[in-house]
């Protein structure tokens, strides 16, 4: 089974390289630091074109963190209490 990971604070891609050695697939990379992004672009720019990380939806982030798809409809998150 192929494991997947996302790379936050990528800089020069050290963790991405180690993950590839382990057979993991990198599905996204993110670097907010302009200097780090400039260093990363020549190496990873062909595989991961620049994009706006701000376009990620909250639902996707919840799934990324391991919450179930229907976490917003969970009865445990209800604000109303029944007497």
N, C-alpha and C. Protein backbone atom coordinates (compact mmCIF):
# COMPACT_ATOMS: atom_id res chain seq x y z
N UNK A 1 0.85 -1.18 0.00
CA UNK A 1 0.00 0.00 0.00
C UNK A 1 0.89 1.25 0.00
N UNK A 2 0.62 2.15 -0.92
CA UNK A 2 1.39 3.38 -1.04
C UNK A 2 0.94 4.38 0.00
N UNK A 3 1.85 4.86 0.83
CA UNK A 3 1.52 5.88 1.82
C UNK A 3 1.71 7.24 1.18
N UNK A 4 0.87 8.18 1.61
CA UNK A 4 0.93 9.54 1.08
C UNK A 4 1.19 10.50 2.23
N UNK A 5 1.82 11.61 1.92
CA UNK A 5 2.04 12.63 2.94
C UNK A 5 2.02 14.00 2.30
N UNK A 6 1.80 15.01 3.13
CA UNK A 6 1.86 16.40 2.71
C UNK A 6 3.02 17.07 3.43
N UNK A 7 3.67 17.97 2.76
CA UNK A 7 4.86 18.61 3.31
C UNK A 7 4.57 20.08 3.61
N UNK A 8 4.54 20.42 4.89
CA UNK A 8 4.40 21.81 5.32
C UNK A 8 5.78 22.32 5.73
N UNK A 9 6.05 23.60 5.50
CA UNK A 9 7.35 24.20 5.81
C UNK A 9 8.46 23.42 5.10
N UNK A 10 8.32 23.27 3.80
CA UNK A 10 9.16 22.38 3.01
C UNK A 10 10.62 22.82 2.93
N UNK A 11 10.88 24.13 2.81
CA UNK A 11 12.23 24.65 2.62
C UNK A 11 12.93 23.94 1.46
N UNK A 12 13.97 23.16 1.70
CA UNK A 12 14.72 22.53 0.60
C UNK A 12 14.25 21.12 0.30
N UNK A 13 13.25 20.62 1.02
CA UNK A 13 12.66 19.33 0.69
C UNK A 13 13.34 18.12 1.31
N UNK A 14 13.98 18.29 2.46
CA UNK A 14 14.66 17.17 3.10
C UNK A 14 13.72 16.06 3.51
N UNK A 15 12.59 16.42 4.13
CA UNK A 15 11.63 15.40 4.53
C UNK A 15 10.98 14.75 3.31
N UNK A 16 10.78 15.52 2.27
CA UNK A 16 10.22 14.96 1.03
C UNK A 16 11.16 13.90 0.45
N UNK A 17 12.45 14.20 0.49
CA UNK A 17 13.44 13.25 -0.02
C UNK A 17 13.45 11.96 0.81
N UNK A 18 13.44 12.12 2.13
CA UNK A 18 13.42 10.94 3.01
C UNK A 18 12.15 10.12 2.79
N UNK A 19 11.02 10.80 2.63
CA UNK A 19 9.75 10.09 2.40
C UNK A 19 9.80 9.32 1.08
N UNK A 20 10.41 9.92 0.05
CA UNK A 20 10.50 9.21 -1.24
C UNK A 20 11.39 7.98 -1.11
N UNK A 21 12.43 8.05 -0.28
CA UNK A 21 13.28 6.88 -0.05
C UNK A 21 12.50 5.76 0.64
N UNK A 22 11.48 6.14 1.43
CA UNK A 22 10.67 5.14 2.13
C UNK A 22 9.52 4.64 1.25
N UNK A 23 9.38 5.20 0.05
CA UNK A 23 8.32 4.78 -0.86
C UNK A 23 7.02 5.54 -0.69
N UNK A 24 7.06 6.66 0.05
CA UNK A 24 5.85 7.46 0.25
C UNK A 24 5.70 8.43 -0.92
N UNK A 25 4.44 8.78 -1.21
CA UNK A 25 4.14 9.74 -2.27
C UNK A 25 3.82 11.08 -1.65
N UNK A 26 4.51 12.13 -2.08
CA UNK A 26 4.23 13.48 -1.60
C UNK A 26 3.10 14.06 -2.44
N UNK A 27 1.98 14.42 -1.79
CA UNK A 27 0.83 14.91 -2.54
C UNK A 27 0.77 16.43 -2.58
N UNK A 28 1.45 17.12 -1.66
CA UNK A 28 1.55 18.57 -1.76
C UNK A 28 2.74 19.07 -0.95
N UNK A 29 3.22 20.23 -1.34
CA UNK A 29 4.29 20.91 -0.62
C UNK A 29 3.87 22.34 -0.40
N UNK A 30 4.24 22.89 0.76
CA UNK A 30 3.86 24.26 1.07
C UNK A 30 5.04 24.96 1.76
N UNK A 31 5.39 26.12 1.28
CA UNK A 31 6.43 26.92 1.91
C UNK A 31 6.01 28.37 1.85
N UNK A 32 5.82 29.00 3.01
CA UNK A 32 5.37 30.39 3.07
C UNK A 32 6.55 31.37 3.05
N UNK A 33 7.69 30.96 3.57
CA UNK A 33 8.88 31.80 3.60
C UNK A 33 9.36 32.06 2.17
N UNK A 34 9.43 33.33 1.75
CA UNK A 34 9.83 33.62 0.36
C UNK A 34 11.21 33.07 0.00
N UNK A 35 12.16 33.13 0.93
CA UNK A 35 13.49 32.61 0.64
C UNK A 35 13.45 31.09 0.47
N UNK A 36 12.73 30.41 1.35
CA UNK A 36 12.59 28.96 1.23
C UNK A 36 11.88 28.56 -0.05
N UNK A 37 10.84 29.32 -0.41
CA UNK A 37 10.10 29.03 -1.64
C UNK A 37 10.99 29.23 -2.86
N UNK A 38 11.85 30.26 -2.83
CA UNK A 38 12.74 30.50 -3.96
C UNK A 38 13.76 29.37 -4.10
N UNK A 39 14.21 28.81 -2.98
CA UNK A 39 15.15 27.69 -3.04
C UNK A 39 14.46 26.42 -3.50
N UNK A 40 13.21 26.27 -3.14
CA UNK A 40 12.45 25.06 -3.44
C UNK A 40 11.99 25.00 -4.89
N UNK A 41 11.67 26.12 -5.47
CA UNK A 41 11.04 26.16 -6.79
C UNK A 41 11.83 25.45 -7.89
N UNK A 42 13.16 25.64 -8.01
CA UNK A 42 13.87 24.93 -9.08
C UNK A 42 13.85 23.41 -8.93
N UNK A 43 13.80 22.94 -7.69
CA UNK A 43 13.84 21.50 -7.45
C UNK A 43 12.46 20.88 -7.56
N UNK A 44 11.48 21.46 -6.88
CA UNK A 44 10.15 20.86 -6.81
C UNK A 44 9.12 21.51 -7.73
N UNK A 45 9.50 22.61 -8.39
CA UNK A 45 8.54 23.34 -9.20
C UNK A 45 7.96 22.57 -10.37
N UNK A 46 8.72 21.64 -10.89
CA UNK A 46 8.21 20.86 -12.03
C UNK A 46 7.10 19.90 -11.58
N UNK A 47 7.26 19.31 -10.42
CA UNK A 47 6.27 18.34 -9.95
C UNK A 47 5.09 19.02 -9.24
N UNK A 48 5.38 20.10 -8.52
CA UNK A 48 4.35 20.80 -7.77
C UNK A 48 4.32 22.26 -8.20
N UNK A 49 3.51 22.60 -9.20
CA UNK A 49 3.46 23.99 -9.64
C UNK A 49 2.90 24.89 -8.53
N UNK A 50 3.27 26.13 -8.56
CA UNK A 50 2.84 27.07 -7.53
C UNK A 50 1.33 27.18 -7.50
N UNK A 51 0.80 27.29 -6.32
CA UNK A 51 -0.64 27.43 -6.13
C UNK A 51 -0.91 28.17 -4.84
N UNK A 52 -2.16 28.53 -4.63
CA UNK A 52 -2.56 29.27 -3.45
C UNK A 52 -3.05 28.30 -2.38
N UNK A 53 -2.29 28.17 -1.31
CA UNK A 53 -2.68 27.25 -0.23
C UNK A 53 -3.94 27.74 0.48
N UNK A 54 -4.27 29.02 0.35
CA UNK A 54 -5.47 29.58 0.97
C UNK A 54 -6.76 29.06 0.36
N UNK A 55 -6.68 28.36 -0.76
CA UNK A 55 -7.87 27.85 -1.41
C UNK A 55 -8.30 26.49 -0.88
N UNK A 56 -7.60 25.97 0.13
CA UNK A 56 -7.94 24.68 0.71
C UNK A 56 -9.18 24.85 1.58
N UNK A 57 -10.17 23.99 1.40
CA UNK A 57 -11.41 24.11 2.16
C UNK A 57 -11.26 23.52 3.56
N UNK A 58 -12.04 24.03 4.54
CA UNK A 58 -11.99 23.47 5.90
C UNK A 58 -12.33 21.98 5.93
N UNK A 59 -13.23 21.56 5.06
CA UNK A 59 -13.60 20.13 5.04
C UNK A 59 -12.39 19.27 4.64
N UNK A 60 -11.62 19.73 3.66
CA UNK A 60 -10.42 19.00 3.26
C UNK A 60 -9.41 18.95 4.40
N UNK A 61 -9.25 20.06 5.12
CA UNK A 61 -8.31 20.07 6.24
C UNK A 61 -8.73 19.08 7.31
N UNK A 62 -10.03 18.99 7.58
CA UNK A 62 -10.52 18.03 8.58
C UNK A 62 -10.21 16.61 8.15
N UNK A 63 -10.41 16.30 6.88
CA UNK A 63 -10.09 14.96 6.37
C UNK A 63 -8.58 14.71 6.43
N UNK A 64 -7.80 15.74 6.14
CA UNK A 64 -6.36 15.62 6.18
C UNK A 64 -5.86 15.30 7.59
N UNK A 65 -6.53 15.89 8.60
CA UNK A 65 -6.13 15.65 9.98
C UNK A 65 -6.67 14.34 10.53
N UNK A 66 -7.49 13.64 9.74
CA UNK A 66 -7.95 12.32 10.15
C UNK A 66 -9.37 12.28 10.68
N UNK A 67 -10.09 13.39 10.63
CA UNK A 67 -11.48 13.37 11.05
C UNK A 67 -12.31 12.65 9.99
N UNK A 68 -13.40 12.00 10.39
CA UNK A 68 -14.26 11.36 9.39
C UNK A 68 -14.90 12.39 8.47
N UNK A 69 -15.33 11.95 7.31
CA UNK A 69 -15.89 12.86 6.31
C UNK A 69 -17.10 13.60 6.86
N UNK A 70 -17.93 12.95 7.66
CA UNK A 70 -19.15 13.59 8.17
C UNK A 70 -18.95 14.13 9.58
N UNK A 71 -17.78 14.65 9.90
CA UNK A 71 -17.50 15.11 11.25
C UNK A 71 -18.38 16.29 11.65
N UNK A 72 -18.82 17.10 10.69
CA UNK A 72 -19.65 18.26 11.03
C UNK A 72 -21.06 17.84 11.43
N UNK A 73 -21.50 16.67 11.01
CA UNK A 73 -22.84 16.20 11.34
C UNK A 73 -22.83 15.30 12.58
N UNK A 74 -21.72 15.22 13.27
CA UNK A 74 -21.60 14.33 14.43
C UNK A 74 -22.55 14.77 15.55
N UNK A 75 -23.27 13.83 16.18
CA UNK A 75 -24.16 14.19 17.29
C UNK A 75 -23.39 14.70 18.49
N UNK A 76 -22.11 14.41 18.59
CA UNK A 76 -21.32 14.85 19.72
C UNK A 76 -20.94 16.32 19.63
N UNK A 77 -21.09 16.91 18.46
CA UNK A 77 -20.74 18.32 18.28
C UNK A 77 -21.95 19.23 18.36
N UNK A 78 -23.10 18.70 18.70
CA UNK A 78 -24.33 19.48 18.77
C UNK A 78 -24.27 20.45 19.94
N UNK A 79 -24.71 21.68 19.71
CA UNK A 79 -24.72 22.69 20.77
C UNK A 79 -26.00 22.63 21.60
N UNK A 80 -27.02 22.04 21.08
CA UNK A 80 -28.28 21.98 21.83
C UNK A 80 -28.28 20.74 22.71
N UNK A 81 -28.81 20.90 23.91
CA UNK A 81 -28.90 19.74 24.81
C UNK A 81 -30.36 19.41 25.04
N UNK A 82 -30.66 18.13 25.08
CA UNK A 82 -32.03 17.69 25.30
C UNK A 82 -32.19 17.38 26.78
N UNK A 83 -33.24 17.93 27.37
CA UNK A 83 -33.47 17.72 28.81
C UNK A 83 -34.15 16.41 29.08
